[in-house]
C-alpha cells in the first residue's frame, strides 16, 4: 500500500520534470503527506497544471461525502469492477507527483519503524491515481486515490504492495488521455528492479502532525 509520501521537489526537478506544468506561485513542500490531507496532483481534465485535491477518494455516489481515509489506495486488480473505482478508472485518471513514499517495519508489538523509498536516479516519481468529485448544495469535494500493485524486488522486503510508478513520460501522457480501460491497465506495471532504494528515517514520521525536513534524514539501523 501507500499510506504516506512526500513531495519535496528540488530546483532541478522543478525545471526539468515539471517545466510544462502550471504550478502555484509558491510551490509547497511536504515531507509527510497523510490521508485526508490536501496534496498536489495532475488530473486528466487539467493535464497542464498542479492542483490541490484531498487524499482519500470519495465516490460521486457517496451519501454524506465523508472522507474517513479508507480509499487512499486502489488495488489495480479491481479497478474495472469495484463500484468506487469503476467510473474514475474510465474517465478520471490522475498523476500524483512525489519524491518519496514511506513504508514501515514492525519491531515488537507496538513499535513501527519507517523507511523512506525513492528513485536511485534522483528523479521524481509519478504515481498512477484516480480522482472523483462529490457534489452537494454546499459545493464540490475533489478527492484522489493512489493505485497500488505487487512490489518490485526493491520494495518487497518492506511491504507486499507499492504504488504504481509511471516512469515513462509517454506512459504518463497516455494515462491522462481518454484511452480504453484495457489499454490503461497495460500501463500499470510493477517497476523494474533497481529503480528504487530506501533507508530508515525518524519515528517522528509516524505522526502526521510532524512536517519538517528532518523527516528525510537517514537514521542508522
N, C-alpha and C. Protein backbone atom coordinates (compact mmCIF):
# COMPACT_ATOMS: atom_id res chain seq x y z
N UNK A 1 0.84 -1.19 0.00
CA UNK A 1 0.00 0.00 0.00
C UNK A 1 0.88 1.24 0.00
N UNK A 2 0.26 2.39 -0.01
CA UNK A 2 0.97 3.65 0.15
C UNK A 2 0.16 4.50 1.10
N UNK A 3 0.63 4.63 2.34
CA UNK A 3 -0.12 5.36 3.34
C UNK A 3 0.48 6.68 3.75
N UNK A 4 1.64 7.01 3.18
CA UNK A 4 2.29 8.28 3.47
C UNK A 4 3.33 8.53 2.39
N UNK A 5 3.48 9.77 1.94
CA UNK A 5 4.51 10.09 0.96
C UNK A 5 4.93 11.54 1.10
N UNK A 6 5.92 11.94 0.32
CA UNK A 6 6.41 13.32 0.39
C UNK A 6 6.52 13.91 -1.01
N UNK A 7 6.44 15.23 -1.05
CA UNK A 7 6.64 15.94 -2.32
C UNK A 7 7.51 17.16 -2.02
N UNK A 8 8.81 16.95 -2.18
CA UNK A 8 9.80 17.99 -1.92
C UNK A 8 10.69 18.08 -3.15
N UNK A 9 10.19 18.65 -4.24
CA UNK A 9 10.98 18.69 -5.48
C UNK A 9 12.16 19.64 -5.38
N UNK A 10 13.28 19.22 -5.93
CA UNK A 10 14.47 20.07 -5.97
C UNK A 10 14.33 21.08 -7.10
N UNK A 11 15.14 22.14 -7.11
CA UNK A 11 15.10 23.09 -8.23
C UNK A 11 15.29 22.43 -9.59
N UNK A 12 16.18 21.45 -9.67
CA UNK A 12 16.39 20.75 -10.94
C UNK A 12 15.16 19.96 -11.34
N UNK A 13 14.55 19.28 -10.39
CA UNK A 13 13.33 18.52 -10.69
C UNK A 13 12.21 19.44 -11.15
N UNK A 14 12.12 20.62 -10.56
CA UNK A 14 11.07 21.57 -10.95
C UNK A 14 11.29 22.07 -12.37
N UNK A 15 12.53 22.41 -12.70
CA UNK A 15 12.81 22.99 -14.02
C UNK A 15 12.82 21.93 -15.13
N UNK A 16 13.22 20.70 -14.80
CA UNK A 16 13.34 19.67 -15.83
C UNK A 16 12.12 18.76 -15.92
N UNK A 17 11.52 18.40 -14.79
CA UNK A 17 10.43 17.42 -14.81
C UNK A 17 9.05 18.05 -14.68
N UNK A 18 8.99 19.28 -14.19
CA UNK A 18 7.71 19.97 -14.06
C UNK A 18 7.69 21.26 -14.89
N UNK A 19 8.55 21.32 -15.89
CA UNK A 19 8.71 22.55 -16.67
C UNK A 19 7.43 22.95 -17.38
N UNK A 20 6.69 21.98 -17.90
CA UNK A 20 5.49 22.28 -18.68
C UNK A 20 4.22 22.27 -17.85
N UNK A 21 4.36 22.19 -16.55
CA UNK A 21 3.21 22.12 -15.65
C UNK A 21 3.02 23.46 -14.95
N UNK A 22 1.81 23.99 -14.99
CA UNK A 22 1.50 25.21 -14.26
C UNK A 22 1.50 24.92 -12.76
N UNK A 23 2.27 25.73 -12.02
CA UNK A 23 2.45 25.47 -10.59
C UNK A 23 1.99 26.67 -9.77
N UNK A 24 1.67 26.47 -8.51
CA UNK A 24 1.37 27.62 -7.64
C UNK A 24 2.57 28.56 -7.57
N UNK A 25 2.31 29.83 -7.32
CA UNK A 25 3.41 30.80 -7.22
C UNK A 25 4.42 30.37 -6.17
N UNK A 26 3.93 29.86 -5.08
CA UNK A 26 4.80 29.31 -4.04
C UNK A 26 4.48 27.81 -3.93
N UNK A 27 5.36 27.01 -4.49
CA UNK A 27 5.14 25.57 -4.50
C UNK A 27 5.37 25.01 -3.10
N UNK A 28 4.33 24.50 -2.45
CA UNK A 28 4.52 23.98 -1.09
C UNK A 28 5.31 22.69 -1.09
N UNK A 29 6.23 22.56 -0.15
CA UNK A 29 6.96 21.31 0.02
C UNK A 29 6.34 20.56 1.18
N UNK A 30 6.19 19.26 1.02
CA UNK A 30 5.51 18.44 2.02
C UNK A 30 6.36 17.20 2.31
N UNK A 31 6.79 17.10 3.55
CA UNK A 31 7.62 15.97 3.96
C UNK A 31 6.81 14.79 4.48
N UNK A 32 5.52 15.00 4.74
CA UNK A 32 4.74 13.97 5.43
C UNK A 32 3.27 14.10 5.04
N UNK A 33 2.95 13.75 3.80
CA UNK A 33 1.57 13.85 3.33
C UNK A 33 0.80 12.63 3.82
N UNK A 34 -0.31 12.89 4.49
CA UNK A 34 -1.10 11.83 5.13
C UNK A 34 -2.51 11.81 4.57
N UNK A 35 -3.21 10.69 4.69
CA UNK A 35 -4.59 10.60 4.24
C UNK A 35 -5.48 11.69 4.82
N UNK A 36 -6.42 12.13 4.02
CA UNK A 36 -7.42 13.19 4.28
C UNK A 36 -6.81 14.58 4.15
N UNK A 37 -5.50 14.69 3.92
CA UNK A 37 -4.89 16.00 3.71
C UNK A 37 -4.95 16.39 2.23
N UNK A 38 -4.78 17.69 1.97
CA UNK A 38 -4.70 18.19 0.60
C UNK A 38 -3.31 17.92 0.04
N UNK A 39 -3.25 17.56 -1.24
CA UNK A 39 -1.98 17.32 -1.92
C UNK A 39 -2.12 17.72 -3.38
N UNK A 40 -0.99 17.98 -4.03
CA UNK A 40 -0.99 18.41 -5.42
C UNK A 40 -1.00 17.21 -6.36
N UNK A 41 -1.90 17.24 -7.34
CA UNK A 41 -1.99 16.17 -8.33
C UNK A 41 -2.21 16.79 -9.71
N UNK A 42 -2.07 15.97 -10.75
CA UNK A 42 -2.31 16.39 -12.13
C UNK A 42 -3.47 15.55 -12.65
N UNK A 43 -4.60 16.16 -12.92
CA UNK A 43 -5.78 15.42 -13.34
C UNK A 43 -5.94 15.46 -14.86
N UNK A 44 -6.68 14.49 -15.39
CA UNK A 44 -6.83 14.42 -16.84
C UNK A 44 -7.71 15.54 -17.39
N UNK A 45 -8.50 16.21 -16.54
CA UNK A 45 -9.30 17.33 -17.04
C UNK A 45 -8.52 18.64 -17.03
N UNK A 46 -7.32 18.63 -16.45
CA UNK A 46 -6.43 19.80 -16.46
C UNK A 46 -5.00 19.30 -16.45
N UNK A 47 -4.55 18.63 -17.53
CA UNK A 47 -3.26 17.95 -17.53
C UNK A 47 -2.06 18.88 -17.52
N UNK A 48 -2.27 20.16 -17.65
CA UNK A 48 -1.15 21.09 -17.68
C UNK A 48 -0.93 21.83 -16.38
N UNK A 49 -1.54 21.36 -15.28
CA UNK A 49 -1.36 22.10 -14.04
C UNK A 49 -1.42 21.19 -12.82
N UNK A 50 -0.77 21.67 -11.76
CA UNK A 50 -0.88 21.03 -10.46
C UNK A 50 -2.04 21.66 -9.72
N UNK A 51 -2.89 20.84 -9.12
CA UNK A 51 -3.99 21.38 -8.34
C UNK A 51 -4.17 20.55 -7.08
N UNK A 52 -4.72 21.17 -6.05
CA UNK A 52 -4.85 20.52 -4.75
C UNK A 52 -6.15 19.74 -4.67
N UNK A 53 -6.04 18.45 -4.35
CA UNK A 53 -7.18 17.58 -4.07
C UNK A 53 -6.95 16.92 -2.73
N UNK A 54 -8.00 16.39 -2.15
CA UNK A 54 -7.90 15.72 -0.86
C UNK A 54 -7.60 14.24 -1.07
N UNK A 55 -6.64 13.73 -0.30
CA UNK A 55 -6.25 12.32 -0.43
C UNK A 55 -7.25 11.44 0.29
N UNK A 56 -7.82 10.50 -0.44
CA UNK A 56 -8.84 9.60 0.08
C UNK A 56 -10.09 9.77 -0.77
N UNK A 57 -10.30 8.86 -1.70
CA UNK A 57 -11.36 9.03 -2.69
C UNK A 57 -12.75 9.00 -2.04
N UNK A 58 -13.56 9.99 -2.40
CA UNK A 58 -14.98 9.99 -2.05
C UNK A 58 -15.74 9.76 -3.35
N UNK A 59 -16.38 8.59 -3.52
CA UNK A 59 -17.11 8.33 -4.76
C UNK A 59 -18.21 9.36 -4.98
N UNK A 60 -18.49 9.65 -6.24
CA UNK A 60 -19.50 10.65 -6.56
C UNK A 60 -20.88 10.25 -6.04
N UNK A 61 -21.09 8.95 -5.79
CA UNK A 61 -22.39 8.48 -5.33
C UNK A 61 -22.49 8.39 -3.81
N UNK A 62 -21.45 8.83 -3.10
CA UNK A 62 -21.47 8.77 -1.64
C UNK A 62 -22.65 9.56 -1.07
N UNK A 63 -23.25 9.06 -0.01
CA UNK A 63 -24.41 9.73 0.59
C UNK A 63 -24.02 10.98 1.37
N UNK A 64 -22.92 10.90 2.13
CA UNK A 64 -22.60 12.02 3.02
C UNK A 64 -21.33 12.76 2.64
N UNK A 65 -20.55 12.24 1.70
CA UNK A 65 -19.33 12.93 1.29
C UNK A 65 -18.23 12.91 2.33
N UNK A 66 -18.31 12.00 3.29
CA UNK A 66 -17.30 11.93 4.34
C UNK A 66 -16.05 11.22 3.84
N UNK A 67 -14.91 11.72 4.27
CA UNK A 67 -13.64 11.10 3.91
C UNK A 67 -12.99 10.57 5.17
N UNK A 68 -13.15 9.28 5.40
CA UNK A 68 -12.53 8.67 6.56
C UNK A 68 -11.16 8.10 6.28
N UNK A 69 -10.60 8.41 5.10
CA UNK A 69 -9.29 7.90 4.75
C UNK A 69 -9.28 6.43 4.40
N UNK A 70 -10.44 5.86 4.06
CA UNK A 70 -10.50 4.44 3.76
C UNK A 70 -10.07 4.11 2.33
N UNK A 71 -10.28 5.04 1.40
CA UNK A 71 -9.98 4.77 -0.01
C UNK A 71 -8.76 5.56 -0.46
N UNK A 72 -7.68 5.46 0.30
CA UNK A 72 -6.45 6.16 -0.08
C UNK A 72 -5.71 5.39 -1.17
N UNK A 73 -5.97 4.08 -1.26
CA UNK A 73 -5.33 3.23 -2.27
C UNK A 73 -6.39 2.46 -3.04
N UNK A 74 -6.06 2.13 -4.29
CA UNK A 74 -6.93 1.32 -5.14
C UNK A 74 -6.08 0.21 -5.74
N UNK A 75 -6.39 -1.03 -5.42
CA UNK A 75 -5.65 -2.15 -5.99
C UNK A 75 -5.93 -2.23 -7.49
N UNK A 76 -4.87 -2.31 -8.29
CA UNK A 76 -5.05 -2.30 -9.74
C UNK A 76 -5.88 -3.49 -10.21
N UNK A 77 -5.88 -4.58 -9.43
CA UNK A 77 -6.58 -5.79 -9.84
C UNK A 77 -8.11 -5.60 -9.89
N UNK A 78 -8.65 -4.60 -9.18
CA UNK A 78 -10.10 -4.45 -9.15
C UNK A 78 -10.62 -3.14 -9.71
N UNK A 79 -9.79 -2.41 -10.43
CA UNK A 79 -10.18 -1.08 -10.87
C UNK A 79 -11.40 -1.08 -11.79
N UNK A 80 -11.49 -2.05 -12.67
CA UNK A 80 -12.55 -2.04 -13.67
C UNK A 80 -13.88 -2.52 -13.12
N UNK A 81 -13.88 -3.11 -11.91
CA UNK A 81 -15.09 -3.75 -11.41
C UNK A 81 -15.66 -3.12 -10.14
N UNK A 82 -14.82 -2.61 -9.27
CA UNK A 82 -15.32 -2.12 -7.99
C UNK A 82 -16.09 -0.82 -8.18
N UNK A 83 -17.26 -0.69 -7.54
CA UNK A 83 -18.10 0.49 -7.74
C UNK A 83 -17.41 1.81 -7.44
N UNK A 84 -16.53 1.84 -6.43
CA UNK A 84 -15.87 3.09 -6.07
C UNK A 84 -14.89 3.57 -7.13
N UNK A 85 -14.35 2.63 -7.93
CA UNK A 85 -13.28 2.97 -8.86
C UNK A 85 -13.67 2.85 -10.33
N UNK A 86 -14.77 2.19 -10.60
CA UNK A 86 -15.12 1.84 -11.98
C UNK A 86 -15.23 3.07 -12.88
N UNK A 87 -16.00 4.07 -12.47
CA UNK A 87 -16.15 5.27 -13.30
C UNK A 87 -14.87 6.11 -13.32
N UNK A 88 -14.24 6.38 -12.17
CA UNK A 88 -12.97 7.13 -12.23
C UNK A 88 -11.92 6.47 -13.11
N UNK A 89 -11.86 5.13 -13.10
CA UNK A 89 -10.88 4.45 -13.92
C UNK A 89 -11.12 4.71 -15.41
N UNK A 90 -12.35 4.85 -15.79
CA UNK A 90 -12.66 5.10 -17.19
C UNK A 90 -12.50 6.58 -17.56
N UNK A 91 -12.80 7.47 -16.64
CA UNK A 91 -12.92 8.89 -17.02
C UNK A 91 -12.10 9.87 -16.20
N UNK A 92 -11.62 9.46 -15.03
CA UNK A 92 -10.99 10.42 -14.14
C UNK A 92 -9.69 9.87 -13.59
N UNK A 93 -8.67 9.93 -14.41
CA UNK A 93 -7.35 9.45 -14.01
C UNK A 93 -6.44 10.63 -13.69
N UNK A 94 -5.44 10.38 -12.86
CA UNK A 94 -4.55 11.47 -12.45
C UNK A 94 -3.15 10.93 -12.20
N UNK A 95 -2.22 11.85 -12.07
CA UNK A 95 -0.84 11.57 -11.68
C UNK A 95 -0.59 12.24 -10.34
N UNK A 96 0.10 11.53 -9.46
CA UNK A 96 0.42 12.05 -8.13
C UNK A 96 1.94 12.18 -8.03
N UNK A 97 2.48 13.40 -8.11
CA UNK A 97 3.94 13.56 -8.05
C UNK A 97 4.45 13.40 -6.63
N UNK A 98 5.62 12.79 -6.51
CA UNK A 98 6.24 12.56 -5.20
C UNK A 98 7.74 12.42 -5.39
N UNK A 99 8.49 12.75 -4.35
CA UNK A 99 9.92 12.45 -4.40
C UNK A 99 10.23 11.19 -3.60
N UNK A 100 9.29 10.78 -2.71
CA UNK A 100 9.48 9.53 -1.97
C UNK A 100 8.16 9.09 -1.37
N UNK A 101 8.11 7.83 -0.97
CA UNK A 101 7.00 7.35 -0.16
C UNK A 101 7.57 6.53 0.98
N UNK A 102 6.72 6.20 1.94
CA UNK A 102 7.19 5.57 3.17
C UNK A 102 6.49 4.23 3.40
N UNK A 103 7.24 3.31 3.99
CA UNK A 103 6.66 2.07 4.49
C UNK A 103 7.29 1.77 5.85
N UNK A 104 6.65 0.86 6.58
CA UNK A 104 7.05 0.58 7.96
C UNK A 104 7.36 -0.89 8.16
N UNK A 105 8.30 -1.14 9.07
CA UNK A 105 8.51 -2.46 9.62
C UNK A 105 8.06 -2.43 11.08
N UNK A 106 7.50 -3.53 11.53
CA UNK A 106 7.06 -3.60 12.92
C UNK A 106 8.11 -4.35 13.73
N UNK A 107 8.60 -3.69 14.78
CA UNK A 107 9.52 -4.31 15.72
C UNK A 107 8.87 -4.30 17.09
N UNK A 108 8.73 -5.47 17.68
CA UNK A 108 7.96 -5.62 18.91
C UNK A 108 6.50 -5.28 18.60
N UNK A 109 5.60 -5.53 19.50
CA UNK A 109 4.18 -5.37 19.17
C UNK A 109 3.76 -3.97 18.78
N UNK A 110 4.38 -2.95 19.34
CA UNK A 110 3.85 -1.60 19.14
C UNK A 110 4.85 -0.62 18.53
N UNK A 111 5.99 -1.09 18.07
CA UNK A 111 6.98 -0.18 17.52
C UNK A 111 7.03 -0.30 16.01
N UNK A 112 6.74 0.81 15.31
CA UNK A 112 6.74 0.83 13.85
C UNK A 112 7.91 1.68 13.37
N UNK A 113 8.77 1.06 12.56
CA UNK A 113 9.98 1.72 12.09
C UNK A 113 9.77 2.16 10.64
N UNK A 114 9.81 3.48 10.36
CA UNK A 114 9.55 3.96 9.00
C UNK A 114 10.80 3.98 8.12
N UNK A 115 10.56 3.78 6.81
CA UNK A 115 11.62 3.82 5.81
C UNK A 115 11.18 4.72 4.66
N UNK A 116 12.12 5.50 4.17
CA UNK A 116 11.87 6.37 3.02
C UNK A 116 12.34 5.65 1.76
N UNK A 117 11.45 5.59 0.75
CA UNK A 117 11.72 4.89 -0.51
C UNK A 117 11.72 5.92 -1.64
N UNK A 118 12.74 5.89 -2.49
CA UNK A 118 12.88 6.92 -3.53
C UNK A 118 13.65 6.36 -4.71
N UNK A 119 13.67 7.11 -5.81
CA UNK A 119 14.35 6.67 -7.01
C UNK A 119 15.86 6.83 -6.86
N UNK A 120 16.60 5.82 -7.29
CA UNK A 120 18.05 5.88 -7.20
C UNK A 120 18.64 6.95 -8.11
N UNK A 121 17.95 7.25 -9.23
CA UNK A 121 18.49 8.22 -10.18
C UNK A 121 18.16 9.66 -9.83
N UNK A 122 17.47 9.89 -8.72
CA UNK A 122 17.19 11.25 -8.28
C UNK A 122 16.01 11.92 -8.95
N UNK A 123 15.26 11.19 -9.77
CA UNK A 123 14.11 11.78 -10.44
C UNK A 123 12.86 11.67 -9.57
N UNK A 124 11.87 12.50 -9.91
CA UNK A 124 10.59 12.42 -9.24
C UNK A 124 9.86 11.13 -9.62
N UNK A 125 8.93 10.75 -8.78
CA UNK A 125 8.02 9.66 -9.09
C UNK A 125 6.65 10.25 -9.42
N UNK A 126 5.96 9.61 -10.36
CA UNK A 126 4.59 9.99 -10.68
C UNK A 126 3.73 8.75 -10.50
N UNK A 127 2.97 8.73 -9.40
CA UNK A 127 2.09 7.60 -9.13
C UNK A 127 0.85 7.68 -10.02
N UNK A 128 0.38 6.54 -10.49
CA UNK A 128 -0.90 6.49 -11.18
C UNK A 128 -2.01 6.59 -10.14
N UNK A 129 -2.99 7.45 -10.42
CA UNK A 129 -4.08 7.63 -9.48
C UNK A 129 -5.41 7.83 -10.17
N UNK A 130 -6.45 7.86 -9.37
CA UNK A 130 -7.81 8.16 -9.82
C UNK A 130 -8.35 9.31 -8.99
N UNK A 131 -9.27 10.07 -9.57
CA UNK A 131 -9.90 11.14 -8.81
C UNK A 131 -11.40 11.10 -9.04
N UNK A 132 -12.12 11.77 -8.18
CA UNK A 132 -13.57 11.86 -8.33
C UNK A 132 -14.02 13.16 -7.68
N UNK A 133 -15.26 13.53 -7.92
CA UNK A 133 -15.81 14.70 -7.26
C UNK A 133 -17.20 14.40 -6.72
N UNK A 134 -17.42 14.87 -5.50
CA UNK A 134 -18.69 14.67 -4.81
C UNK A 134 -19.35 16.04 -4.66
N UNK A 135 -20.60 16.11 -5.03
CA UNK A 135 -21.32 17.40 -5.01
C UNK A 135 -22.52 17.34 -4.08
N UNK A 136 -22.74 18.49 -3.41
CA UNK A 136 -24.00 18.71 -2.70
C UNK A 136 -24.32 20.19 -2.78
N UNK A 137 -25.29 20.64 -2.03
CA UNK A 137 -25.69 22.03 -2.13
C UNK A 137 -24.65 23.02 -1.69
N UNK A 138 -23.66 22.55 -0.92
CA UNK A 138 -22.63 23.46 -0.40
C UNK A 138 -21.39 23.55 -1.28
N UNK A 139 -21.33 22.73 -2.33
CA UNK A 139 -20.16 22.81 -3.20
C UNK A 139 -19.69 21.46 -3.68
N UNK A 140 -18.39 21.39 -4.00
CA UNK A 140 -17.79 20.19 -4.59
C UNK A 140 -16.57 19.78 -3.79
N UNK A 141 -16.43 18.48 -3.54
CA UNK A 141 -15.22 17.93 -2.97
C UNK A 141 -14.51 17.11 -4.04
N UNK A 142 -13.26 17.45 -4.32
CA UNK A 142 -12.45 16.71 -5.29
C UNK A 142 -11.39 15.92 -4.52
N UNK A 143 -11.37 14.62 -4.75
CA UNK A 143 -10.51 13.73 -3.98
C UNK A 143 -9.78 12.77 -4.92
N UNK A 144 -8.76 12.09 -4.39
CA UNK A 144 -7.99 11.16 -5.22
C UNK A 144 -7.54 9.95 -4.42
N UNK A 145 -7.15 8.91 -5.15
CA UNK A 145 -6.58 7.71 -4.57
C UNK A 145 -5.36 7.30 -5.39
N UNK A 146 -4.44 6.57 -4.77
CA UNK A 146 -3.21 6.10 -5.42
C UNK A 146 -3.36 4.62 -5.74
N UNK A 147 -3.08 4.24 -6.98
CA UNK A 147 -3.20 2.85 -7.40
C UNK A 147 -1.97 2.06 -6.94
N UNK A 148 -2.21 0.85 -6.44
CA UNK A 148 -1.11 0.01 -5.98
C UNK A 148 -1.03 -1.28 -6.78
N UNK A 149 0.15 -1.89 -6.74
CA UNK A 149 0.42 -3.14 -7.44
C UNK A 149 1.31 -4.01 -6.56
N UNK A 150 1.69 -5.17 -7.07
CA UNK A 150 2.61 -6.04 -6.34
C UNK A 150 3.98 -5.36 -6.28
N UNK A 151 4.79 -5.64 -5.26
CA UNK A 151 6.03 -4.90 -5.07
C UNK A 151 7.13 -5.35 -6.01
N UNK A 152 8.01 -4.43 -6.32
CA UNK A 152 9.23 -4.78 -7.03
C UNK A 152 10.19 -5.43 -6.04
N UNK A 153 11.24 -6.10 -6.53
CA UNK A 153 12.22 -6.69 -5.60
C UNK A 153 12.83 -5.66 -4.66
N UNK A 154 12.87 -4.39 -5.08
CA UNK A 154 13.43 -3.35 -4.22
C UNK A 154 12.58 -3.11 -2.98
N UNK A 155 11.27 -3.21 -3.13
CA UNK A 155 10.33 -2.86 -2.05
C UNK A 155 9.84 -4.08 -1.28
N UNK A 156 9.95 -5.24 -1.88
CA UNK A 156 9.39 -6.46 -1.30
C UNK A 156 9.84 -6.72 0.15
N UNK A 157 11.09 -6.39 0.54
CA UNK A 157 11.47 -6.62 1.94
C UNK A 157 10.65 -5.78 2.93
N UNK A 158 10.01 -4.71 2.46
CA UNK A 158 9.28 -3.83 3.35
C UNK A 158 7.77 -4.05 3.32
N UNK A 159 7.22 -4.37 2.15
CA UNK A 159 5.76 -4.48 2.04
C UNK A 159 5.37 -5.32 0.83
N UNK A 160 4.13 -5.84 0.88
CA UNK A 160 3.66 -6.68 -0.23
C UNK A 160 2.86 -5.90 -1.27
N UNK A 161 2.79 -4.57 -1.12
CA UNK A 161 2.17 -3.71 -2.13
C UNK A 161 3.02 -2.45 -2.27
N UNK A 162 2.84 -1.75 -3.40
CA UNK A 162 3.54 -0.49 -3.61
C UNK A 162 2.76 0.34 -4.63
N UNK A 163 3.00 1.65 -4.70
CA UNK A 163 2.33 2.46 -5.70
C UNK A 163 2.77 2.09 -7.11
N UNK A 164 1.86 2.23 -8.06
CA UNK A 164 2.24 2.13 -9.47
C UNK A 164 2.96 3.40 -9.85
N UNK A 165 4.19 3.27 -10.33
CA UNK A 165 5.01 4.42 -10.72
C UNK A 165 5.13 4.43 -12.24
N UNK A 166 4.62 5.49 -12.86
CA UNK A 166 4.73 5.62 -14.31
C UNK A 166 6.04 6.33 -14.62
N UNK A 167 7.05 5.55 -14.98
CA UNK A 167 8.39 6.12 -15.16
C UNK A 167 8.60 6.73 -16.54
N UNK A 168 7.82 6.30 -17.51
CA UNK A 168 8.00 6.77 -18.89
C UNK A 168 7.09 7.97 -19.16
N UNK A 169 7.63 9.09 -19.66
CA UNK A 169 6.79 10.26 -19.95
C UNK A 169 5.65 9.95 -20.91
N UNK A 170 5.90 9.07 -21.87
CA UNK A 170 4.84 8.69 -22.79
C UNK A 170 3.72 7.96 -22.10
N UNK A 171 4.05 7.10 -21.14
CA UNK A 171 3.03 6.39 -20.38
C UNK A 171 2.22 7.35 -19.52
N UNK A 172 2.88 8.34 -18.97
CA UNK A 172 2.17 9.34 -18.16
C UNK A 172 1.18 10.12 -19.02
N UNK A 173 1.61 10.48 -20.21
CA UNK A 173 0.72 11.20 -21.11
C UNK A 173 -0.48 10.34 -21.50
N UNK A 174 -0.22 9.07 -21.83
CA UNK A 174 -1.30 8.18 -22.21
C UNK A 174 -2.28 7.96 -21.07
N UNK A 175 -1.78 7.87 -19.84
CA UNK A 175 -2.63 7.66 -18.68
C UNK A 175 -3.68 8.78 -18.54
N UNK A 176 -3.31 9.98 -18.94
CA UNK A 176 -4.23 11.11 -18.82
C UNK A 176 -5.12 11.29 -20.04
N UNK A 177 -4.91 10.49 -21.06
CA UNK A 177 -5.73 10.60 -22.26
C UNK A 177 -6.96 9.69 -22.18
N UNK A 178 -7.99 9.92 -23.00
CA UNK A 178 -9.22 9.12 -22.95
C UNK A 178 -9.07 7.77 -23.65
N UNK A 179 -8.21 6.94 -23.09
CA UNK A 179 -7.97 5.61 -23.67
C UNK A 179 -8.92 4.58 -23.05
N UNK A 180 -9.04 3.44 -23.70
CA UNK A 180 -9.91 2.39 -23.20
C UNK A 180 -9.32 1.73 -21.94
N UNK A 181 -10.17 1.19 -21.07
CA UNK A 181 -9.67 0.57 -19.83
C UNK A 181 -8.62 -0.50 -20.07
N UNK A 182 -8.77 -1.29 -21.13
CA UNK A 182 -7.79 -2.35 -21.40
C UNK A 182 -6.40 -1.77 -21.64
N UNK A 183 -6.34 -0.67 -22.37
CA UNK A 183 -5.05 -0.04 -22.64
C UNK A 183 -4.50 0.62 -21.38
N UNK A 184 -5.40 1.21 -20.60
CA UNK A 184 -4.96 1.84 -19.35
C UNK A 184 -4.37 0.80 -18.40
N UNK A 185 -4.98 -0.37 -18.32
CA UNK A 185 -4.46 -1.42 -17.45
C UNK A 185 -3.06 -1.85 -17.85
N UNK A 186 -2.78 -1.85 -19.14
CA UNK A 186 -1.46 -2.27 -19.62
C UNK A 186 -0.36 -1.32 -19.14
N UNK A 187 -0.72 -0.09 -18.79
CA UNK A 187 0.27 0.87 -18.32
C UNK A 187 0.65 0.63 -16.86
N UNK A 188 -0.16 -0.12 -16.15
CA UNK A 188 0.01 -0.29 -14.71
C UNK A 188 0.90 -1.51 -14.43
N UNK A 189 2.19 -1.28 -14.43
CA UNK A 189 3.17 -2.36 -14.26
C UNK A 189 3.97 -2.17 -12.98
N UNK A 190 4.42 -3.28 -12.41
CA UNK A 190 5.35 -3.21 -11.29
C UNK A 190 6.68 -2.65 -11.78
N UNK A 191 7.26 -1.67 -11.09
CA UNK A 191 8.52 -1.09 -11.56
C UNK A 191 9.65 -2.12 -11.64
N UNK A 192 10.59 -1.86 -12.49
CA UNK A 192 11.73 -2.77 -12.69
C UNK A 192 12.62 -2.80 -11.44
N UNK A 193 13.32 -3.87 -11.28
CA UNK A 193 14.28 -3.98 -10.18
C UNK A 193 15.42 -2.98 -10.38
N UNK A 194 15.86 -2.37 -9.31
CA UNK A 194 16.96 -1.41 -9.36
C UNK A 194 16.51 0.03 -9.48
N UNK A 195 15.22 0.27 -9.67
CA UNK A 195 14.74 1.65 -9.80
C UNK A 195 14.77 2.38 -8.46
N UNK A 196 14.45 1.67 -7.37
CA UNK A 196 14.25 2.30 -6.08
C UNK A 196 15.29 1.87 -5.06
N UNK A 197 15.46 2.71 -4.06
CA UNK A 197 16.28 2.38 -2.90
C UNK A 197 15.60 2.95 -1.67
N UNK A 198 16.10 2.60 -0.49
CA UNK A 198 15.45 3.10 0.73
C UNK A 198 16.41 3.12 1.90
N UNK A 199 16.03 3.89 2.92
CA UNK A 199 16.76 3.92 4.18
C UNK A 199 15.79 4.27 5.32
N UNK A 200 16.22 3.99 6.52
CA UNK A 200 15.41 4.23 7.71
C UNK A 200 15.37 5.72 8.03
N UNK A 201 14.21 6.18 8.51
CA UNK A 201 14.06 7.59 8.92
C UNK A 201 13.48 7.62 10.34
N UNK A 202 13.35 8.84 10.85
CA UNK A 202 12.92 9.04 12.23
C UNK A 202 11.49 8.55 12.46
N UNK A 203 11.26 8.02 13.64
CA UNK A 203 9.92 7.60 14.03
C UNK A 203 8.99 8.79 14.26
N UNK A 204 9.52 10.00 14.20
CA UNK A 204 8.66 11.17 14.23
C UNK A 204 7.70 11.20 13.04
N UNK A 205 8.09 10.51 11.97
CA UNK A 205 7.23 10.44 10.79
C UNK A 205 5.90 9.77 11.11
N UNK A 206 5.85 8.93 12.13
CA UNK A 206 4.65 8.18 12.44
C UNK A 206 3.47 9.08 12.77
N UNK A 207 3.72 10.28 13.22
CA UNK A 207 2.64 11.22 13.50
C UNK A 207 2.45 12.15 12.31
N UNK A 208 1.25 12.21 11.71
CA UNK A 208 1.02 13.13 10.59
C UNK A 208 1.09 14.60 11.00
N UNK A 209 1.17 14.86 12.29
CA UNK A 209 1.31 16.24 12.77
C UNK A 209 2.71 16.78 12.50
N UNK A 210 3.69 15.88 12.33
CA UNK A 210 5.07 16.31 12.12
C UNK A 210 5.31 16.59 10.64
N UNK A 211 5.88 17.74 10.36
CA UNK A 211 6.12 18.17 8.98
C UNK A 211 7.37 19.04 8.97
N UNK A 212 8.53 18.40 8.74
CA UNK A 212 9.78 19.14 8.79
C UNK A 212 10.86 18.40 8.00
N UNK A 213 11.91 19.11 7.56
CA UNK A 213 12.95 18.48 6.73
C UNK A 213 13.65 17.31 7.40
N UNK A 214 13.72 17.31 8.72
CA UNK A 214 14.42 16.23 9.41
C UNK A 214 13.81 14.85 9.14
N UNK A 215 12.56 14.83 8.66
CA UNK A 215 11.92 13.55 8.38
C UNK A 215 12.55 12.83 7.19
N UNK A 216 13.33 13.55 6.38
CA UNK A 216 14.02 12.94 5.26
C UNK A 216 15.43 12.46 5.63
N UNK A 217 15.88 12.75 6.81
CA UNK A 217 17.24 12.40 7.18
C UNK A 217 17.37 10.92 7.52
N UNK A 218 18.49 10.33 7.11
CA UNK A 218 18.77 8.93 7.37
C UNK A 218 19.00 8.69 8.86
N UNK A 219 18.43 7.61 9.36
CA UNK A 219 18.66 7.19 10.74
C UNK A 219 19.36 5.83 10.70
N UNK A 220 20.40 5.65 11.50
CA UNK A 220 21.12 4.38 11.50
C UNK A 220 20.25 3.27 12.03
N UNK A 221 20.44 2.09 11.46
CA UNK A 221 19.71 0.92 11.93
C UNK A 221 20.17 0.54 13.34
